[in-house]
Amino acid sequence: MYIQNEEKRSSRMYKFLKNVVALEASLMQDVIANEGVDQGMANMYAQDRNDVIEAKSLYFANKANEFRTHIDRLDTSIREAIVIAFAEDLGSDWVLKNLGYEVRV
């Protein structure tokens, strides 16, 4: 996945995913806000956060096929949030090329 985004020489460079990390942090705040109040909602936010963590891990592991499959199998809301976060961090062209989603950010 890095390779399709940049030259092979720089493909090993770390790219901080500011918006993906922010999404993960926001979901953690939602878990905390709902813990003890609405356990069902807390669990839903926790699962969404786990999906973000898994997407980020697959991206950094350079597992392109697993990454795309993971994104494609998510519920609509969290899938859209993750795709937009990656687009904000890596660009719309990267998302189209690697995930097959057209977004404008």
PDB file of N, CA and C in Angstrom:
ATOM      1  N   MET A   1       0.812  -1.182   0.000  1.00  0.00           N
ATOM      2  CA  MET A   1       0.000   0.000   0.000  1.00  0.00           C
ATOM      3  C   MET A   1       0.860   1.253   0.000  1.00  0.00           C
ATOM      4  N   TYR A   2       1.915   1.244   0.735  1.00  0.00           N
ATOM      5  CA  TYR A   2       2.817   2.383   0.698  1.00  0.00           C
ATOM      6  C   TYR A   2       3.341   2.567  -0.717  1.00  0.00           C
ATOM      7  N   ILE A   3       3.665   1.463  -1.365  1.00  0.00           N
ATOM      8  CA  ILE A   3       4.317   1.499  -2.664  1.00  0.00           C
ATOM      9  C   ILE A   3       3.422   2.171  -3.700  1.00  0.00           C
ATOM     10  N   GLN A   4       2.123   1.963  -3.640  1.00  0.00           N
ATOM     11  CA  GLN A   4       1.245   2.615  -4.597  1.00  0.00           C
ATOM     12  C   GLN A   4       1.095   4.093  -4.299  1.00  0.00           C
ATOM     13  N   ASN A   5       1.461   4.500  -3.120  1.00  0.00           N
ATOM     14  CA  ASN A   5       1.329   5.903  -2.738  1.00  0.00           C
ATOM     15  C   ASN A   5       2.588   6.703  -3.028  1.00  0.00           C
ATOM     16  N   GLU A   6       3.753   6.097  -2.885  1.00  0.00           N
ATOM     17  CA  GLU A   6       5.011   6.804  -3.028  1.00  0.00           C
ATOM     18  C   GLU A   6       6.002   5.922  -3.787  1.00  0.00           C
ATOM     19  N   GLU A   7       7.146   6.481  -4.086  1.00  0.00           N
ATOM     20  CA  GLU A   7       8.197   5.719  -4.734  1.00  0.00           C
ATOM     21  C   GLU A   7       8.665   4.604  -3.814  1.00  0.00           C
ATOM     22  N   LYS A   8       9.159   3.525  -4.394  1.00  0.00           N
ATOM     23  CA  LYS A   8       9.613   2.380  -3.620  1.00  0.00           C
ATOM     24  C   LYS A   8      10.674   2.785  -2.600  1.00  0.00           C
ATOM     25  N   ARG A   9      11.534   3.707  -2.958  1.00  0.00           N
ATOM     26  CA  ARG A   9      12.599   4.167  -2.079  1.00  0.00           C
ATOM     27  C   ARG A   9      12.047   4.703  -0.763  1.00  0.00           C
ATOM     28  N   SER A  10      10.960   5.428  -0.816  1.00  0.00           N
ATOM     29  CA  SER A  10      10.408   6.041   0.383  1.00  0.00           C
ATOM     30  C   SER A  10       9.255   5.231   0.969  1.00  0.00           C
ATOM     31  N   SER A  11       9.019   4.036   0.451  1.00  0.00           N
ATOM     32  CA  SER A  11       7.866   3.250   0.879  1.00  0.00           C
ATOM     33  C   SER A  11       7.972   2.794   2.324  1.00  0.00           C
ATOM     34  N   ARG A  12       9.148   2.788   2.891  1.00  0.00           N
ATOM     35  CA  ARG A  12       9.304   2.337   4.253  1.00  0.00           C
ATOM     36  C   ARG A  12       9.196   3.473   5.274  1.00  0.00           C
ATOM     37  N   MET A  13       8.995   4.669   4.774  1.00  0.00           N
ATOM     38  CA  MET A  13       8.866   5.813   5.668  1.00  0.00           C
ATOM     39  C   MET A  13       7.546   5.741   6.420  1.00  0.00           C
ATOM     40  N   TYR A  14       7.593   6.128   7.677  1.00  0.00           N
ATOM     41  CA  TYR A  14       6.399   6.139   8.508  1.00  0.00           C
ATOM     42  C   TYR A  14       5.570   7.369   8.198  1.00  0.00           C
ATOM     43  N   LYS A  15       4.290   7.192   8.029  1.00  0.00           N
ATOM     44  CA  LYS A  15       3.364   8.299   7.804  1.00  0.00           C
ATOM     45  C   LYS A  15       2.403   8.336   8.976  1.00  0.00           C
ATOM     46  N   PHE A  16       2.466   9.394   9.780  1.00  0.00           N
ATOM     47  CA  PHE A  16       1.547   9.535  10.899  1.00  0.00           C
ATOM     48  C   PHE A  16       0.153   9.794  10.354  1.00  0.00           C
ATOM     49  N   LEU A  17      -0.794   8.999  10.775  1.00  0.00           N
ATOM     50  CA  LEU A  17      -2.168   9.098  10.304  1.00  0.00           C
ATOM     51  C   LEU A  17      -2.985   9.919  11.300  1.00  0.00           C
ATOM     52  N   LYS A  18      -2.805  11.212  11.239  1.00  0.00           N
ATOM     53  CA  LYS A  18      -3.410  12.141  12.199  1.00  0.00           C
ATOM     54  C   LYS A  18      -4.927  11.964  12.316  1.00  0.00           C
ATOM     55  N   ASN A  19      -5.612  11.890  11.205  1.00  0.00           N
ATOM     56  CA  ASN A  19      -7.073  11.799  11.218  1.00  0.00           C
ATOM     57  C   ASN A  19      -7.572  10.413  11.609  1.00  0.00           C
ATOM     58  N   VAL A  20      -6.830   9.380  11.262  1.00  0.00           N
ATOM     59  CA  VAL A  20      -7.190   8.025  11.687  1.00  0.00           C
ATOM     60  C   VAL A  20      -7.028   7.914  13.201  1.00  0.00           C
ATOM     61  N   VAL A  21      -5.938   8.446  13.727  1.00  0.00           N
ATOM     62  CA  VAL A  21      -5.708   8.439  15.177  1.00  0.00           C
ATOM     63  C   VAL A  21      -6.783   9.266  15.885  1.00  0.00           C
ATOM     64  N   ALA A  22      -7.158  10.393  15.311  1.00  0.00           N
ATOM     65  CA  ALA A  22      -8.209  11.232  15.903  1.00  0.00           C
ATOM     66  C   ALA A  22      -9.548  10.495  15.930  1.00  0.00           C
ATOM     67  N   LEU A  23      -9.849   9.750  14.879  1.00  0.00           N
ATOM     68  CA  LEU A  23     -11.074   8.948  14.843  1.00  0.00           C
ATOM     69  C   LEU A  23     -11.051   7.908  15.945  1.00  0.00           C
ATOM     70  N   GLU A  24      -9.940   7.225  16.090  1.00  0.00           N
ATOM     71  CA  GLU A  24      -9.786   6.225  17.149  1.00  0.00           C
ATOM     72  C   GLU A  24      -9.998   6.856  18.533  1.00  0.00           C
ATOM     73  N   ALA A  25      -9.391   8.016  18.759  1.00  0.00           N
ATOM     74  CA  ALA A  25      -9.522   8.707  20.047  1.00  0.00           C
ATOM     75  C   ALA A  25     -10.964   9.155  20.295  1.00  0.00           C
ATOM     76  N   SER A  26     -11.618   9.636  19.262  1.00  0.00           N
ATOM     77  CA  SER A  26     -13.011  10.066  19.383  1.00  0.00           C
ATOM     78  C   SER A  26     -13.920   8.903  19.762  1.00  0.00           C
ATOM     79  N   LEU A  27     -13.678   7.756  19.146  1.00  0.00           N
ATOM     80  CA  LEU A  27     -14.478   6.573  19.466  1.00  0.00           C
ATOM     81  C   LEU A  27     -14.234   6.119  20.900  1.00  0.00           C
ATOM     82  N   MET A  28     -12.997   6.259  21.383  1.00  0.00           N
ATOM     83  CA  MET A  28     -12.707   5.915  22.777  1.00  0.00           C
ATOM     84  C   MET A  28     -13.474   6.834  23.711  1.00  0.00           C
ATOM     85  N   GLN A  29     -13.570   8.108  23.383  1.00  0.00           N
ATOM     86  CA  GLN A  29     -14.348   9.045  24.192  1.00  0.00           C
ATOM     87  C   GLN A  29     -15.832   8.664  24.198  1.00  0.00           C
ATOM     88  N   ASP A  30     -16.320   8.175  23.060  1.00  0.00           N
ATOM     89  CA  ASP A  30     -17.710   7.715  22.988  1.00  0.00           C
ATOM     90  C   ASP A  30     -17.921   6.481  23.868  1.00  0.00           C
ATOM     91  N   VAL A  31     -16.942   5.591  23.893  1.00  0.00           N
ATOM     92  CA  VAL A  31     -17.025   4.413  24.767  1.00  0.00           C
ATOM     93  C   VAL A  31     -17.128   4.872  26.221  1.00  0.00           C
ATOM     94  N   ILE A  32     -16.246   5.766  26.609  1.00  0.00           N
ATOM     95  CA  ILE A  32     -16.206   6.259  27.990  1.00  0.00           C
ATOM     96  C   ILE A  32     -17.514   6.960  28.346  1.00  0.00           C
ATOM     97  N   ALA A  33     -18.027   7.769  27.451  1.00  0.00           N
ATOM     98  CA  ALA A  33     -19.257   8.515  27.716  1.00  0.00           C
ATOM     99  C   ALA A  33     -20.459   7.596  27.905  1.00  0.00           C
ATOM    100  N   ASN A  34     -20.449   6.439  27.259  1.00  0.00           N
ATOM    101  CA  ASN A  34     -21.590   5.527  27.329  1.00  0.00           C
ATOM    102  C   ASN A  34     -21.418   4.398  28.328  1.00  0.00           C
ATOM    103  N   GLU A  35     -20.208   4.217  28.826  1.00  0.00           N
ATOM    104  CA  GLU A  35     -19.943   3.149  29.789  1.00  0.00           C
ATOM    105  C   GLU A  35     -20.772   3.385  31.049  1.00  0.00           C
ATOM    106  N   GLY A  36     -21.519   2.383  31.437  1.00  0.00           N
ATOM    107  CA  GLY A  36     -22.353   2.486  32.631  1.00  0.00           C
ATOM    108  C   GLY A  36     -23.672   3.192  32.398  1.00  0.00           C
ATOM    109  N   VAL A  37     -23.848   3.806  31.252  1.00  0.00           N
ATOM    110  CA  VAL A  37     -25.086   4.507  30.919  1.00  0.00           C
ATOM    111  C   VAL A  37     -25.886   3.686  29.911  1.00  0.00           C
ATOM    112  N   ASP A  38     -25.221   3.318  28.839  1.00  0.00           N
ATOM    113  CA  ASP A  38     -25.832   2.510  27.780  1.00  0.00           C
ATOM    114  C   ASP A  38     -24.775   1.529  27.280  1.00  0.00           C
ATOM    115  N   GLN A  39     -24.746   0.365  27.880  1.00  0.00           N
ATOM    116  CA  GLN A  39     -23.706  -0.613  27.584  1.00  0.00           C
ATOM    117  C   GLN A  39     -23.711  -1.066  26.127  1.00  0.00           C
ATOM    118  N   GLY A  40     -24.895  -1.130  25.536  1.00  0.00           N
ATOM    119  CA  GLY A  40     -24.987  -1.514  24.125  1.00  0.00           C
ATOM    120  C   GLY A  40     -24.274  -0.518  23.225  1.00  0.00           C
ATOM    121  N   MET A  41     -24.485   0.772  23.496  1.00  0.00           N
ATOM    122  CA  MET A  41     -23.803   1.807  22.711  1.00  0.00           C
ATOM    123  C   MET A  41     -22.303   1.789  22.983  1.00  0.00           C
ATOM    124  N   ALA A  42     -21.925   1.602  24.235  1.00  0.00           N
ATOM    125  CA  ALA A  42     -20.500   1.539  24.583  1.00  0.00           C
ATOM    126  C   ALA A  42     -19.830   0.404  23.825  1.00  0.00           C
ATOM    127  N   ASN A  43     -20.494  -0.740  23.752  1.00  0.00           N
ATOM    128  CA  ASN A  43     -19.942  -1.893  23.026  1.00  0.00           C
ATOM    129  C   ASN A  43     -19.838  -1.618  21.529  1.00  0.00           C
ATOM    130  N   MET A  44     -20.822  -0.923  20.983  1.00  0.00           N
ATOM    131  CA  MET A  44     -20.795  -0.604  19.565  1.00  0.00           C
ATOM    132  C   MET A  44     -19.612   0.318  19.240  1.00  0.00           C
ATOM    133  N   TYR A  45     -19.435   1.354  20.063  1.00  0.00           N
ATOM    134  CA  TYR A  45     -18.304   2.267  19.849  1.00  0.00           C
ATOM    135  C   TYR A  45     -16.972   1.547  20.036  1.00  0.00           C
ATOM    136  N   ALA A  46     -16.919   0.623  20.992  1.00  0.00           N
ATOM    137  CA  ALA A  46     -15.688  -0.141  21.222  1.00  0.00           C
ATOM    138  C   ALA A  46     -15.359  -1.001  20.001  1.00  0.00           C
ATOM    139  N   GLN A  47     -16.382  -1.624  19.410  1.00  0.00           N
ATOM    140  CA  GLN A  47     -16.144  -2.437  18.215  1.00  0.00           C
ATOM    141  C   GLN A  47     -15.698  -1.565  17.046  1.00  0.00           C
ATOM    142  N   ASP A  48     -16.328  -0.403  16.891  1.00  0.00           N
ATOM    143  CA  ASP A  48     -15.910   0.515  15.827  1.00  0.00           C
ATOM    144  C   ASP A  48     -14.454   0.931  16.030  1.00  0.00           C
ATOM    145  N   ARG A  49     -14.087   1.216  17.268  1.00  0.00           N
ATOM    146  CA  ARG A  49     -12.695   1.591  17.569  1.00  0.00           C
ATOM    147  C   ARG A  49     -11.747   0.446  17.223  1.00  0.00           C
ATOM    148  N   ASN A  50     -12.151  -0.785  17.558  1.00  0.00           N
ATOM    149  CA  ASN A  50     -11.329  -1.947  17.212  1.00  0.00           C
ATOM    150  C   ASN A  50     -11.167  -2.070  15.702  1.00  0.00           C
ATOM    151  N   ASP A  51     -12.207  -1.744  14.962  1.00  0.00           N
ATOM    152  CA  ASP A  51     -12.122  -1.781  13.497  1.00  0.00           C
ATOM    153  C   ASP A  51     -11.126  -0.746  12.976  1.00  0.00           C
ATOM    154  N   VAL A  52     -11.091   0.431  13.590  1.00  0.00           N
ATOM    155  CA  VAL A  52     -10.120   1.463  13.206  1.00  0.00           C
ATOM    156  C   VAL A  52      -8.703   0.977  13.505  1.00  0.00           C
ATOM    157  N   ILE A  53      -8.516   0.409  14.692  1.00  0.00           N
ATOM    158  CA  ILE A  53      -7.199  -0.104  15.079  1.00  0.00           C
ATOM    159  C   ILE A  53      -6.738  -1.192  14.118  1.00  0.00           C
ATOM    160  N   GLU A  54      -7.647  -2.085  13.742  1.00  0.00           N
ATOM    161  CA  GLU A  54      -7.311  -3.160  12.805  1.00  0.00           C
ATOM    162  C   GLU A  54      -6.946  -2.591  11.427  1.00  0.00           C
ATOM    163  N   ALA A  55      -7.703  -1.610  10.957  1.00  0.00           N
ATOM    164  CA  ALA A  55      -7.396  -0.986   9.662  1.00  0.00           C
ATOM    165  C   ALA A  55      -6.012  -0.343   9.703  1.00  0.00           C
ATOM    166  N   LYS A  56      -5.730   0.360  10.764  1.00  0.00           N
ATOM    167  CA  LYS A  56      -4.429   1.018  10.905  1.00  0.00           C
ATOM    168  C   LYS A  56      -3.305  -0.021  10.949  1.00  0.00           C
ATOM    169  N   SER A  57      -3.512  -1.104  11.677  1.00  0.00           N
ATOM    170  CA  SER A  57      -2.503  -2.162  11.766  1.00  0.00           C
ATOM    171  C   SER A  57      -2.247  -2.815  10.416  1.00  0.00           C
ATOM    172  N   LEU A  58      -3.297  -3.098   9.677  1.00  0.00           N
ATOM    173  CA  LEU A  58      -3.140  -3.706   8.354  1.00  0.00           C
ATOM    174  C   LEU A  58      -2.441  -2.753   7.393  1.00  0.00           C
ATOM    175  N   TYR A  59      -2.744  -1.473   7.482  1.00  0.00           N
ATOM    176  CA  TYR A  59      -2.076  -0.477   6.648  1.00  0.00           C
ATOM    177  C   TYR A  59      -0.576  -0.473   6.925  1.00  0.00           C
ATOM    178  N   PHE A  60      -0.207  -0.389   8.197  1.00  0.00           N
ATOM    179  CA  PHE A  60       1.214  -0.326   8.539  1.00  0.00           C
ATOM    180  C   PHE A  60       1.939  -1.650   8.292  1.00  0.00           C
ATOM    181  N   ALA A  61       1.204  -2.760   8.275  1.00  0.00           N
ATOM    182  CA  ALA A  61       1.798  -4.060   7.964  1.00  0.00           C
ATOM    183  C   ALA A  61       1.929  -4.254   6.452  1.00  0.00           C
ATOM    184  N   ASN A  62       1.434  -3.284   5.683  1.00  0.00           N
ATOM    185  CA  ASN A  62       1.491  -3.320   4.228  1.00  0.00           C
ATOM    186  C   ASN A  62       0.745  -4.528   3.655  1.00  0.00           C
ATOM    187  N   LYS A  63      -0.381  -4.877   4.294  1.00  0.00           N
ATOM    188  CA  LYS A  63      -1.208  -6.002   3.857  1.00  0.00           C
ATOM    189  C   LYS A  63      -2.392  -5.445   3.061  1.00  0.00           C
ATOM    190  N   ALA A  64      -2.130  -5.108   1.819  1.00  0.00           N
ATOM    191  CA  ALA A  64      -3.098  -4.401   0.982  1.00  0.00           C
ATOM    192  C   ALA A  64      -4.411  -5.161   0.814  1.00  0.00           C
ATOM    193  N   ASN A  65      -4.344  -6.436   0.497  1.00  0.00           N
ATOM    194  CA  ASN A  65      -5.573  -7.200   0.265  1.00  0.00           C
ATOM    195  C   ASN A  65      -6.400  -7.335   1.530  1.00  0.00           C
ATOM    196  N   GLU A  66      -5.748  -7.649   2.635  1.00  0.00           N
ATOM    197  CA  GLU A  66      -6.455  -7.789   3.913  1.00  0.00           C
ATOM    198  C   GLU A  66      -7.053  -6.453   4.347  1.00  0.00           C
ATOM    199  N   PHE A  67      -6.304  -5.374   4.110  1.00  0.00           N
ATOM    200  CA  PHE A  67      -6.764  -4.035   4.462  1.00  0.00           C
ATOM    201  C   PHE A  67      -8.046  -3.696   3.706  1.00  0.00           C
ATOM    202  N   ARG A  68      -8.008  -3.894   2.397  1.00  0.00           N
ATOM    203  CA  ARG A  68      -9.186  -3.575   1.576  1.00  0.00           C
ATOM    204  C   ARG A  68     -10.379  -4.455   1.952  1.00  0.00           C
ATOM    205  N   THR A  69     -10.135  -5.741   2.179  1.00  0.00           N
ATOM    206  CA  THR A  69     -11.212  -6.650   2.577  1.00  0.00           C
ATOM    207  C   THR A  69     -11.806  -6.228   3.916  1.00  0.00           C
ATOM    208  N   HIS A  70     -10.939  -5.872   4.855  1.00  0.00           N
ATOM    209  CA  HIS A  70     -11.410  -5.425   6.169  1.00  0.00           C
ATOM    210  C   HIS A  70     -12.332  -4.207   6.018  1.00  0.00           C
ATOM    211  N   ILE A  71     -11.906  -3.229   5.248  1.00  0.00           N
ATOM    212  CA  ILE A  71     -12.702  -2.016   5.041  1.00  0.00           C
ATOM    213  C   ILE A  71     -14.032  -2.355   4.368  1.00  0.00           C
ATOM    214  N   ASP A  72     -13.994  -3.180   3.341  1.00  0.00           N
ATOM    215  CA  ASP A  72     -15.206  -3.523   2.591  1.00  0.00           C
ATOM    216  C   ASP A  72     -16.244  -4.239   3.440  1.00  0.00           C
ATOM    217  N   ARG A  73     -15.828  -4.968   4.451  1.00  0.00           N
ATOM    218  CA  ARG A  73     -16.759  -5.758   5.275  1.00  0.00           C
ATOM    219  C   ARG A  73     -17.334  -5.000   6.475  1.00  0.00           C
ATOM    220  N   LEU A  74     -16.937  -3.765   6.658  1.00  0.00           N
ATOM    221  CA  LEU A  74     -17.414  -2.989   7.803  1.00  0.00           C
ATOM    222  C   LEU A  74     -18.827  -2.464   7.578  1.00  0.00           C
ATOM    223  N   ASP A  75     -19.498  -2.145   8.697  1.00  0.00           N
ATOM    224  CA  ASP A  75     -20.782  -1.455   8.612  1.00  0.00           C
ATOM    225  C   ASP A  75     -20.564  -0.107   7.940  1.00  0.00           C
ATOM    226  N   THR A  76     -21.603   0.397   7.313  1.00  0.00           N
ATOM    227  CA  THR A  76     -21.501   1.614   6.501  1.00  0.00           C
ATOM    228  C   THR A  76     -20.926   2.802   7.266  1.00  0.00           C
ATOM    229  N   SER A  77     -21.417   3.082   8.435  1.00  0.00           N
ATOM    230  CA  SER A  77     -21.014   4.286   9.163  1.00  0.00           C
ATOM    231  C   SER A  77     -19.522   4.304   9.481  1.00  0.00           C
ATOM    232  N   ILE A  78     -19.024   3.227  10.065  1.00  0.00           N
ATOM    233  CA  ILE A  78     -17.602   3.203  10.432  1.00  0.00           C
ATOM    234  C   ILE A  78     -16.724   3.088   9.187  1.00  0.00           C
ATOM    235  N   ARG A  79     -17.196   2.375   8.167  1.00  0.00           N
ATOM    236  CA  ARG A  79     -16.433   2.280   6.912  1.00  0.00           C
ATOM    237  C   ARG A  79     -16.244   3.668   6.320  1.00  0.00           C
ATOM    238  N   GLU A  80     -17.310   4.443   6.262  1.00  0.00           N
ATOM    239  CA  GLU A  80     -17.209   5.794   5.703  1.00  0.00           C
ATOM    240  C   GLU A  80     -16.278   6.664   6.527  1.00  0.00           C
ATOM    241  N   ALA A  81     -16.367   6.559   7.846  1.00  0.00           N
ATOM    242  CA  ALA A  81     -15.499   7.360   8.718  1.00  0.00           C
ATOM    243  C   ALA A  81     -14.028   7.003   8.513  1.00  0.00           C
ATOM    244  N   ILE A  82     -13.733   5.716   8.397  1.00  0.00           N
ATOM    245  CA  ILE A  82     -12.351   5.278   8.190  1.00  0.00           C
ATOM    246  C   ILE A  82     -11.843   5.714   6.816  1.00  0.00           C
ATOM    247  N   VAL A  83     -12.655   5.533   5.796  1.00  0.00           N
ATOM    248  CA  VAL A  83     -12.254   5.919   4.436  1.00  0.00           C
ATOM    249  C   VAL A  83     -11.974   7.415   4.382  1.00  0.00           C
ATOM    250  N   ILE A  84     -12.825   8.214   4.983  1.00  0.00           N
ATOM    251  CA  ILE A  84     -12.618   9.664   4.988  1.00  0.00           C
ATOM    252  C   ILE A  84     -11.359  10.026   5.763  1.00  0.00           C
ATOM    253  N   ALA A  85     -11.129   9.375   6.904  1.00  0.00           N
ATOM    254  CA  ALA A  85      -9.917   9.654   7.690  1.00  0.00           C
ATOM    255  C   ALA A  85      -8.658   9.328   6.886  1.00  0.00           C
ATOM    256  N   PHE A  86      -8.656   8.185   6.203  1.00  0.00           N
ATOM    257  CA  PHE A  86      -7.500   7.840   5.371  1.00  0.00           C
ATOM    258  C   PHE A  86      -7.354   8.825   4.209  1.00  0.00           C
ATOM    259  N   ALA A  87      -8.473   9.272   3.635  1.00  0.00           N
ATOM    260  CA  ALA A  87      -8.406  10.251   2.550  1.00  0.00           C
ATOM    261  C   ALA A  87      -7.826  11.570   3.051  1.00  0.00           C
ATOM    262  N   GLU A  88      -8.208  11.978   4.237  1.00  0.00           N
ATOM    263  CA  GLU A  88      -7.663  13.216   4.799  1.00  0.00           C
ATOM    264  C   GLU A  88      -6.170  13.090   5.083  1.00  0.00           C
ATOM    265  N   ASP A  89      -5.733  11.893   5.456  1.00  0.00           N
ATOM    266  CA  ASP A  89      -4.320  11.680   5.769  1.00  0.00           C
ATOM    267  C   ASP A  89      -3.462  11.392   4.541  1.00  0.00           C
ATOM    268  N   LEU A  90      -3.989  10.642   3.588  1.00  0.00           N
ATOM    269  CA  LEU A  90      -3.177  10.175   2.461  1.00  0.00           C
ATOM    270  C   LEU A  90      -3.639  10.700   1.109  1.00  0.00           C
ATOM    271  N   GLY A  91      -4.795  11.313   1.068  1.00  0.00           N
ATOM    272  CA  GLY A  91      -5.299  11.882  -0.171  1.00  0.00           C
ATOM    273  C   GLY A  91      -6.373  11.033  -0.837  1.00  0.00           C
ATOM    274  N   SER A  92      -7.228  11.703  -1.565  1.00  0.00           N
ATOM    275  CA  SER A  92      -8.335  11.041  -2.268  1.00  0.00           C
ATOM    276  C   SER A  92      -7.843  10.067  -3.328  1.00  0.00           C
ATOM    277  N   ASP A  93      -6.756  10.421  -4.016  1.00  0.00           N
ATOM    278  CA  ASP A  93      -6.210   9.539  -5.046  1.00  0.00           C
ATOM    279  C   ASP A  93      -5.738   8.223  -4.439  1.00  0.00           C
ATOM    280  N   TRP A  94      -5.095   8.302  -3.270  1.00  0.00           N
ATOM    281  CA  TRP A  94      -4.622   7.087  -2.595  1.00  0.00           C
ATOM    282  C   TRP A  94      -5.802   6.192  -2.249  1.00  0.00           C
ATOM    283  N   VAL A  95      -6.869   6.785  -1.715  1.00  0.00           N
ATOM    284  CA  VAL A  95      -8.051   6.002  -1.341  1.00  0.00           C
ATOM    285  C   VAL A  95      -8.678   5.345  -2.563  1.00  0.00           C
ATOM    286  N   LEU A  96      -8.791   6.080  -3.649  1.00  0.00           N
ATOM    287  CA  LEU A  96      -9.364   5.502  -4.869  1.00  0.00           C
ATOM    288  C   LEU A  96      -8.504   4.353  -5.373  1.00  0.00           C
ATOM    289  N   LYS A  97      -7.214   4.544  -5.413  1.00  0.00           N
ATOM    290  CA  LYS A  97      -6.302   3.523  -5.932  1.00  0.00           C
ATOM    291  C   LYS A  97      -6.240   2.286  -5.045  1.00  0.00           C
ATOM    292  N   ASN A  98      -6.248   2.474  -3.730  1.00  0.00           N
ATOM    293  CA  ASN A  98      -6.029   1.362  -2.809  1.00  0.00           C
ATOM    294  C   ASN A  98      -7.294   0.762  -2.212  1.00  0.00           C
ATOM    295  N   LEU A  99      -8.363   1.563  -2.114  1.00  0.00           N
ATOM    296  CA  LEU A  99      -9.601   1.067  -1.512  1.00  0.00           C
ATOM    297  C   LEU A  99     -10.769   1.029  -2.482  1.00  0.00           C
ATOM    298  N   GLY A 100     -10.629   1.754  -3.589  1.00  0.00           N
ATOM    299  CA  GLY A 100     -11.685   1.744  -4.587  1.00  0.00           C
ATOM    300  C   GLY A 100     -12.858   2.665  -4.282  1.00  0.00           C
ATOM    301  N   TYR A 101     -12.663   3.595  -3.356  1.00  0.00           N
ATOM    302  CA  TYR A 101     -13.726   4.546  -3.014  1.00  0.00           C
ATOM    303  C   TYR A 101     -13.333   5.935  -3.509  1.00  0.00           C
ATOM    304  N   GLU A 102     -14.291   6.603  -4.128  1.00  0.00           N
ATOM    305  CA  GLU A 102     -14.059   7.956  -4.590  1.00  0.00           C
ATOM    306  C   GLU A 102     -14.582   8.919  -3.530  1.00  0.00           C
ATOM    307  N   VAL A 103     -13.701   9.738  -3.004  1.00  0.00           N
ATOM    308  CA  VAL A 103     -14.091  10.716  -1.983  1.00  0.00           C
ATOM    309  C   VAL A 103     -13.487  12.074  -2.333  1.00  0.00           C
ATOM    310  N   ARG A 104     -14.114  13.088  -1.822  1.00  0.00           N
ATOM    311  CA  ARG A 104     -13.599  14.455  -1.997  1.00  0.00           C
ATOM    312  C   ARG A 104     -13.405  15.029  -0.597  1.00  0.00           C
ATOM    313  N   VAL A 105     -12.160  15.335  -0.286  1.00  0.00           N
ATOM    314  CA  VAL A 105     -11.869  15.936   1.019  1.00  0.00           C
ATOM    315  C   VAL A 105     -11.103  17.223   0.847  1.00  0.00           C
TER     316      VAL A 105
END
